[in-house]
């Protein structure tokens, strides 16, 4: 079975030792993705909706690089620092997945590496 590892070039990949995404056969797994831009800045500080929207834009890019697409997503796991923002996060999720309807999980966590991060999302998809 072919394994393709995809890097975003983020500094954390080399420090911690992980891949942004891995394609294993027809399965694509995208690791926890946050609203950090290519310059290392958190986008949408204080705005869970904007962070979530930006994260899904990044995830779409990695899916395409792996040979998949948003309509092949089967599961999104959303980790959030403030569950009271669920409607904002859910609204952004719906903008990408309302008609796709993958499995989705939203769990409140204590925090992330950068305190300005409010959302981190893991995604699984297939290539059909």
Protein backbone atom coordinates (compact mmCIF):
# COMPACT_ATOMS: atom_id res chain seq x y z
CA UNK A 1 0.00 0.00 0.00
CA UNK A 2 1.37 3.39 -0.99
CA UNK A 3 1.99 5.95 1.75
CA UNK A 4 2.41 9.62 0.83
CA UNK A 5 3.42 12.11 3.52
CA UNK A 6 2.53 15.77 2.98
CA UNK A 7 4.30 18.63 4.71
CA UNK A 8 3.07 22.18 5.21
CA UNK A 9 6.59 23.36 6.00
CA UNK A 10 5.54 24.51 9.48
CA UNK A 11 8.38 24.66 12.00
CA UNK A 12 6.50 22.33 14.36
CA UNK A 13 6.74 19.42 11.90
CA UNK A 14 10.52 19.33 12.27
CA UNK A 15 10.52 20.04 16.00
CA UNK A 16 7.90 17.46 17.00
CA UNK A 17 8.26 15.03 14.08
CA UNK A 18 4.94 14.72 12.26
CA UNK A 19 3.34 15.15 8.83
CA UNK A 20 0.55 17.62 8.06
CA UNK A 21 -1.29 14.92 6.13
CA UNK A 22 -0.79 11.31 5.17
CA UNK A 23 -2.38 9.45 2.30
CA UNK A 24 -2.50 5.70 2.89
CA UNK A 25 -4.00 3.96 -0.11
CA UNK A 26 -7.36 5.68 -0.59
CA UNK A 27 -7.49 7.16 2.93
CA UNK A 28 -6.34 10.69 3.84
CA UNK A 29 -5.68 11.78 7.41
CA UNK A 30 -5.02 15.44 8.17
CA UNK A 31 -3.49 16.15 11.55
CA UNK A 32 -4.60 18.88 13.92
CA UNK A 33 -4.78 22.09 11.89
CA UNK A 34 -4.96 25.56 13.39
CA UNK A 35 -5.32 29.10 12.07
CA UNK A 36 -1.56 29.69 11.88
CA UNK A 37 -0.63 31.30 8.56
CA UNK A 38 2.55 30.69 6.52
CA UNK A 39 4.36 33.39 8.54
CA UNK A 40 3.56 31.78 11.90
CA UNK A 41 0.83 34.26 12.86
CA UNK A 42 -2.56 33.28 14.31
CA UNK A 43 -5.28 34.58 12.01
CA UNK A 44 -8.65 35.57 13.43
CA UNK A 45 -7.44 36.27 16.96
CA UNK A 46 -10.44 36.30 19.30
CA UNK A 47 -12.79 35.11 16.52
CA UNK A 48 -13.67 31.40 16.55
CA UNK A 49 -15.68 31.69 13.29
CA UNK A 50 -12.78 33.24 11.33
CA UNK A 51 -10.29 30.74 12.75
CA UNK A 52 -12.51 27.79 11.82
CA UNK A 53 -13.13 29.13 8.32
CA UNK A 54 -9.40 29.61 7.71
CA UNK A 55 -8.64 26.13 9.05
CA UNK A 56 -11.08 24.52 6.62
CA UNK A 57 -9.53 26.49 3.74
CA UNK A 58 -6.15 25.05 4.73
CA UNK A 59 -7.61 21.55 5.08
CA UNK A 60 -9.12 21.81 1.60
CA UNK A 61 -5.65 22.61 0.22
CA UNK A 62 -4.09 19.57 1.92
CA UNK A 63 -6.92 17.32 0.74
CA UNK A 64 -6.35 18.43 -2.84
CA UNK A 65 -2.62 17.84 -2.52
CA UNK A 66 -3.39 14.30 -1.34
CA UNK A 67 -5.78 13.72 -4.26
CA UNK A 68 -9.04 14.13 -2.34
CA UNK A 69 -11.56 16.92 -1.77
CA UNK A 70 -13.99 18.32 0.79
CA UNK A 71 -16.85 16.19 -0.56
CA UNK A 72 -14.85 13.06 0.37
CA UNK A 73 -14.48 14.07 4.05
CA UNK A 74 -16.00 11.51 6.42
CA UNK A 75 -15.00 12.94 9.81
CA UNK A 76 -14.01 16.29 11.34
CA UNK A 77 -12.81 16.41 14.95
CA UNK A 78 -12.96 19.94 16.29
CA UNK A 79 -11.13 20.85 19.48
CA UNK A 80 -12.12 24.21 20.92
CA UNK A 81 -11.01 26.26 23.92
CA UNK A 82 -14.47 27.74 24.54
CA UNK A 83 -17.45 25.47 23.86
CA UNK A 84 -19.78 28.47 24.25
CA UNK A 85 -18.52 29.49 20.77
CA UNK A 86 -20.03 26.31 19.26
CA UNK A 87 -22.50 28.23 17.10
CA UNK A 88 -19.75 30.31 15.45
CA UNK A 89 -17.64 27.22 14.86
CA UNK A 90 -20.66 25.27 13.65
CA UNK A 91 -21.61 28.05 11.24
CA UNK A 92 -18.17 27.92 9.64
CA UNK A 93 -18.36 24.10 9.48
CA UNK A 94 -21.74 24.33 7.77
CA UNK A 95 -20.38 26.71 5.12
CA UNK A 96 -18.07 23.91 3.96
CA UNK A 97 -20.03 20.76 4.87
CA UNK A 98 -23.77 21.50 5.05
CA UNK A 99 -24.52 19.28 2.04
CA UNK A 100 -21.68 16.80 2.64
CA UNK A 101 -22.62 16.01 6.24
CA UNK A 102 -19.53 14.13 7.50
CA UNK A 103 -19.30 12.82 11.03
CA UNK A 104 -18.30 15.66 13.33
CA UNK A 105 -17.08 15.92 16.90
CA UNK A 106 -16.60 19.10 18.93
CA UNK A 107 -14.79 18.86 22.25
CA UNK A 108 -13.67 21.59 24.64
CA UNK A 109 -10.00 21.47 25.63
CA UNK A 110 -7.96 23.48 28.10
CA UNK A 111 -5.75 25.17 25.51
CA UNK A 112 -3.24 24.95 22.67
CA UNK A 113 0.45 25.76 22.20
CA UNK A 114 -0.40 29.36 21.32
CA UNK A 115 -3.02 30.92 23.64
CA UNK A 116 -4.52 32.86 20.69
CA UNK A 117 -5.58 29.59 19.03
CA UNK A 118 -9.22 28.83 19.72
CA UNK A 119 -9.81 25.90 17.35
CA UNK A 120 -7.85 22.90 16.09
CA UNK A 121 -9.33 20.43 13.61
CA UNK A 122 -8.42 16.91 12.48
CA UNK A 123 -9.97 15.55 9.29
CA UNK A 124 -10.31 12.16 7.65
CA UNK A 125 -11.29 11.69 4.03
CA UNK A 126 -11.13 9.13 1.24
CA UNK A 127 -10.22 9.11 -2.41
CA UNK A 128 -12.96 7.45 -4.43
